């Protein structure tokens, strides 16, 4: 993966939001010439709703929130199931050589080269951890994570959110009118 490539399609940029007080919120801004899509990881602490409230209060215009949280609320609920979907979708784009990083990568925390190095390291440590069944007839549990061994996976989750956000926005009827 090189900083000299653009995301496919070339006009779109993914910007991981993982710095400062926002580090607990895995979020992604996906921008193309027509609109900006805001994808926030939804949790029971309602961080996504707080971010949307702040954007509205501050009068920020030209963005569309992803409404894939519990009962259609703002955000995307990140569960083992959704992480598996995000992981598989990202792997497929990588395998097809269709996932590239924009030359205009933006980070408020570090220089772009360092962010790319961190993303690469996180991608290398990201794995599927399988817990064996706890009982004879139980099911094993698959956990998608990069946090084993003290590692971080914020950037890889933000990348996966960007991939899934674009797929949801381009394939779902409820967002087609917004594109």
Protein backbone atom coordinates (compact mmCIF):
# COMPACT_ATOMS: atom_id res chain seq x y z
CA UNK A 1 0.00 0.00 0.00
CA UNK A 2 1.46 3.32 -1.03
CA UNK A 3 0.59 6.93 -0.28
CA UNK A 4 0.92 7.67 -3.97
CA UNK A 5 -2.34 5.99 -4.87
CA UNK A 6 -5.91 7.29 -4.71
CA UNK A 7 -8.90 5.47 -3.32
CA UNK A 8 -11.04 3.75 -5.92
CA UNK A 9 -12.90 5.58 -7.37
CA UNK A 10 -10.20 8.22 -7.44
CA UNK A 11 -12.45 11.12 -6.39
CA UNK A 12 -13.24 9.66 -2.96
CA UNK A 13 -11.21 10.10 0.21
CA UNK A 14 -11.50 8.25 3.51
CA UNK A 15 -10.39 10.12 6.59
CA UNK A 16 -10.02 8.09 9.79
CA UNK A 17 -11.17 10.01 12.87
CA UNK A 18 -9.13 8.49 15.67
CA UNK A 19 -7.35 11.24 17.54
CA UNK A 20 -7.58 13.26 20.72
CA UNK A 21 -10.77 12.93 22.72
CA UNK A 22 -12.32 11.08 19.78
CA UNK A 23 -10.05 8.04 20.12
CA UNK A 24 -12.87 5.95 21.58
CA UNK A 25 -15.01 6.65 18.53
CA UNK A 26 -14.07 4.75 15.41
CA UNK A 27 -15.41 6.99 12.70
CA UNK A 28 -14.89 7.78 9.08
CA UNK A 29 -15.67 10.69 6.83
CA UNK A 30 -16.10 9.55 3.24
CA UNK A 31 -16.09 12.43 0.79
CA UNK A 32 -16.81 12.58 -2.91
CA UNK A 33 -17.71 15.57 -5.10
CA UNK A 34 -21.44 15.15 -4.41
CA UNK A 35 -21.64 14.78 -0.65
CA UNK A 36 -19.89 13.75 2.52
CA UNK A 37 -21.05 10.64 4.32
CA UNK A 38 -20.47 10.34 8.02
CA UNK A 39 -20.05 6.86 9.45
CA UNK A 40 -19.62 6.54 13.19
CA UNK A 41 -19.32 3.38 15.16
CA UNK A 42 -22.49 3.14 17.21
CA UNK A 43 -22.38 1.92 20.77
CA UNK A 44 -24.54 1.87 23.84
CA UNK A 45 -22.84 5.08 24.99
CA UNK A 46 -24.45 7.02 22.10
CA UNK A 47 -21.21 8.74 20.96
CA UNK A 48 -22.49 8.84 17.37
CA UNK A 49 -25.59 10.78 18.40
CA UNK A 50 -23.45 13.28 20.33
CA UNK A 51 -21.23 13.88 17.29
CA UNK A 52 -24.25 14.38 15.01
CA UNK A 53 -25.82 16.76 17.56
CA UNK A 54 -22.60 18.80 17.63
CA UNK A 55 -22.40 18.96 13.82
CA UNK A 56 -25.99 20.17 13.64
CA UNK A 57 -25.54 22.67 16.48
CA UNK A 58 -22.45 24.10 14.76
CA UNK A 59 -24.30 24.42 11.45
CA UNK A 60 -22.07 22.04 9.50
CA UNK A 61 -23.76 21.32 6.17
CA UNK A 62 -23.33 18.90 3.28
CA UNK A 63 -23.03 15.64 5.19
CA UNK A 64 -25.23 12.57 5.48
CA UNK A 65 -25.17 10.27 8.53
CA UNK A 66 -25.23 6.51 8.16
CA UNK A 67 -28.37 5.25 9.92
CA UNK A 68 -27.43 1.64 10.59
CA UNK A 69 -27.40 1.60 14.39
CA UNK A 70 -29.91 -0.18 16.60
CA UNK A 71 -33.44 0.47 15.28
CA UNK A 72 -32.11 2.73 12.50
CA UNK A 73 -30.27 5.11 14.79
CA UNK A 74 -27.17 7.06 13.73
CA UNK A 75 -24.02 5.03 13.23
CA UNK A 76 -23.11 1.45 12.50
CA UNK A 77 -23.31 -0.96 15.39
CA UNK A 78 -19.98 -2.77 15.49
CA UNK A 79 -20.52 -6.34 16.59
CA UNK A 80 -18.58 -9.51 15.82
CA UNK A 81 -21.00 -10.05 12.96
CA UNK A 82 -20.55 -6.56 11.46
CA UNK A 83 -16.77 -6.74 12.00
CA UNK A 84 -16.71 -10.00 10.03
CA UNK A 85 -18.63 -8.35 7.17
CA UNK A 86 -16.27 -5.34 7.24
CA UNK A 87 -13.20 -7.56 7.36
CA UNK A 88 -14.31 -9.76 4.45
CA UNK A 89 -15.28 -6.72 2.33
CA UNK A 90 -11.91 -5.07 2.99
CA UNK A 91 -10.02 -8.30 2.28
CA UNK A 92 -11.85 -8.65 -1.03
CA UNK A 93 -10.91 -5.13 -2.11
CA UNK A 94 -7.29 -5.76 -1.12
CA UNK A 95 -7.25 -9.09 -2.98
CA UNK A 96 -8.66 -7.40 -6.09
CA UNK A 97 -6.11 -4.55 -5.73
CA UNK A 98 -8.98 -2.04 -5.53
CA UNK A 99 -8.24 -0.48 -2.15
CA UNK A 100 -5.68 2.30 -2.28
CA UNK A 101 -4.80 5.18 0.01
CA UNK A 102 -5.27 8.75 -1.16
CA UNK A 103 -2.32 11.06 -1.80
CA UNK A 104 -4.22 13.61 0.26
CA UNK A 105 -4.47 11.41 3.34
CA UNK A 106 -5.28 13.62 6.30
CA UNK A 107 -4.54 13.01 9.94
CA UNK A 108 -4.71 15.46 12.81
CA UNK A 109 -2.58 13.18 15.00
CA UNK A 110 0.48 12.29 12.89
CA UNK A 111 2.13 12.92 9.53
CA UNK A 112 0.60 10.85 6.68
CA UNK A 113 3.67 8.59 6.37
CA UNK A 114 3.41 7.63 10.05
CA UNK A 115 -0.33 7.01 9.72
CA UNK A 116 0.32 4.68 6.77
CA UNK A 117 2.98 2.83 8.76
CA UNK A 118 0.58 2.50 11.70
CA UNK A 119 -2.24 1.31 9.41
CA UNK A 120 0.07 -1.27 7.84
CA UNK A 121 1.17 -2.50 11.28
CA UNK A 122 -2.44 -2.72 12.45
CA UNK A 123 -3.45 -4.63 9.32
CA UNK A 124 -0.63 -7.12 9.91
CA UNK A 125 -1.70 -7.74 13.52
CA UNK A 126 -5.44 -7.89 12.76
CA UNK A 127 -6.76 -11.43 13.09
CA UNK A 128 -9.66 -13.70 13.75
CA UNK A 129 -9.31 -15.12 17.23
CA UNK A 130 -11.33 -18.29 17.80
CA UNK A 131 -12.40 -19.16 21.34
CA UNK A 132 -13.19 -22.86 21.68
CA UNK A 133 -16.66 -23.87 22.86
CA UNK A 134 -17.15 -23.70 26.61
CA UNK A 135 -19.32 -26.81 26.63
CA UNK A 136 -19.43 -30.04 24.65
CA UNK A 137 -22.29 -28.79 22.45
CA UNK A 138 -21.37 -25.12 22.51
CA UNK A 139 -20.24 -23.04 19.57
CA UNK A 140 -16.83 -21.52 19.14
CA UNK A 141 -16.73 -17.73 19.16
CA UNK A 142 -14.86 -15.78 16.48
CA UNK A 143 -13.52 -12.37 17.44
CA UNK A 144 -12.19 -9.97 14.81
CA UNK A 145 -9.53 -7.82 16.44
CA UNK A 146 -6.11 -6.30 16.23
CA UNK A 147 -5.86 -5.65 19.96
CA UNK A 148 -4.08 -8.86 20.94
CA UNK A 149 -0.69 -8.38 22.52
CA UNK A 150 -1.27 -4.73 23.38
CA UNK A 151 -1.73 -3.64 19.75
CA UNK A 152 -4.25 -1.08 18.54
CA UNK A 153 -6.78 -1.52 15.72
CA UNK A 154 -8.41 1.93 15.46
CA UNK A 155 -7.10 2.69 11.95
CA UNK A 156 -7.96 -0.73 10.57
CA UNK A 157 -11.49 -0.46 11.99
CA UNK A 158 -11.80 3.05 10.49
CA UNK A 159 -10.68 1.68 7.11
CA UNK A 160 -13.16 -1.18 7.36
CA UNK A 161 -15.91 1.28 8.32
CA UNK A 162 -15.08 3.34 5.22
CA UNK A 163 -15.31 0.26 3.01
CA UNK A 164 -18.59 -0.89 4.51
CA UNK A 165 -20.02 2.65 4.49
CA UNK A 166 -19.39 3.01 0.76
CA UNK A 167 -20.94 -0.40 0.11
CA UNK A 168 -24.01 0.42 2.18
CA UNK A 169 -24.44 3.85 0.58
CA UNK A 170 -24.05 2.56 -2.96
CA UNK A 171 -26.17 -0.58 -2.55
CA UNK A 172 -28.97 0.43 -0.18
CA UNK A 173 -32.17 1.94 -1.58
CA UNK A 174 -32.64 4.23 1.43
CA UNK A 175 -29.45 6.14 0.55
CA UNK A 176 -29.72 6.20 -3.29
CA UNK A 177 -31.72 9.43 -3.33
CA UNK A 178 -28.92 11.09 -1.33
CA UNK A 179 -26.21 10.25 -3.86
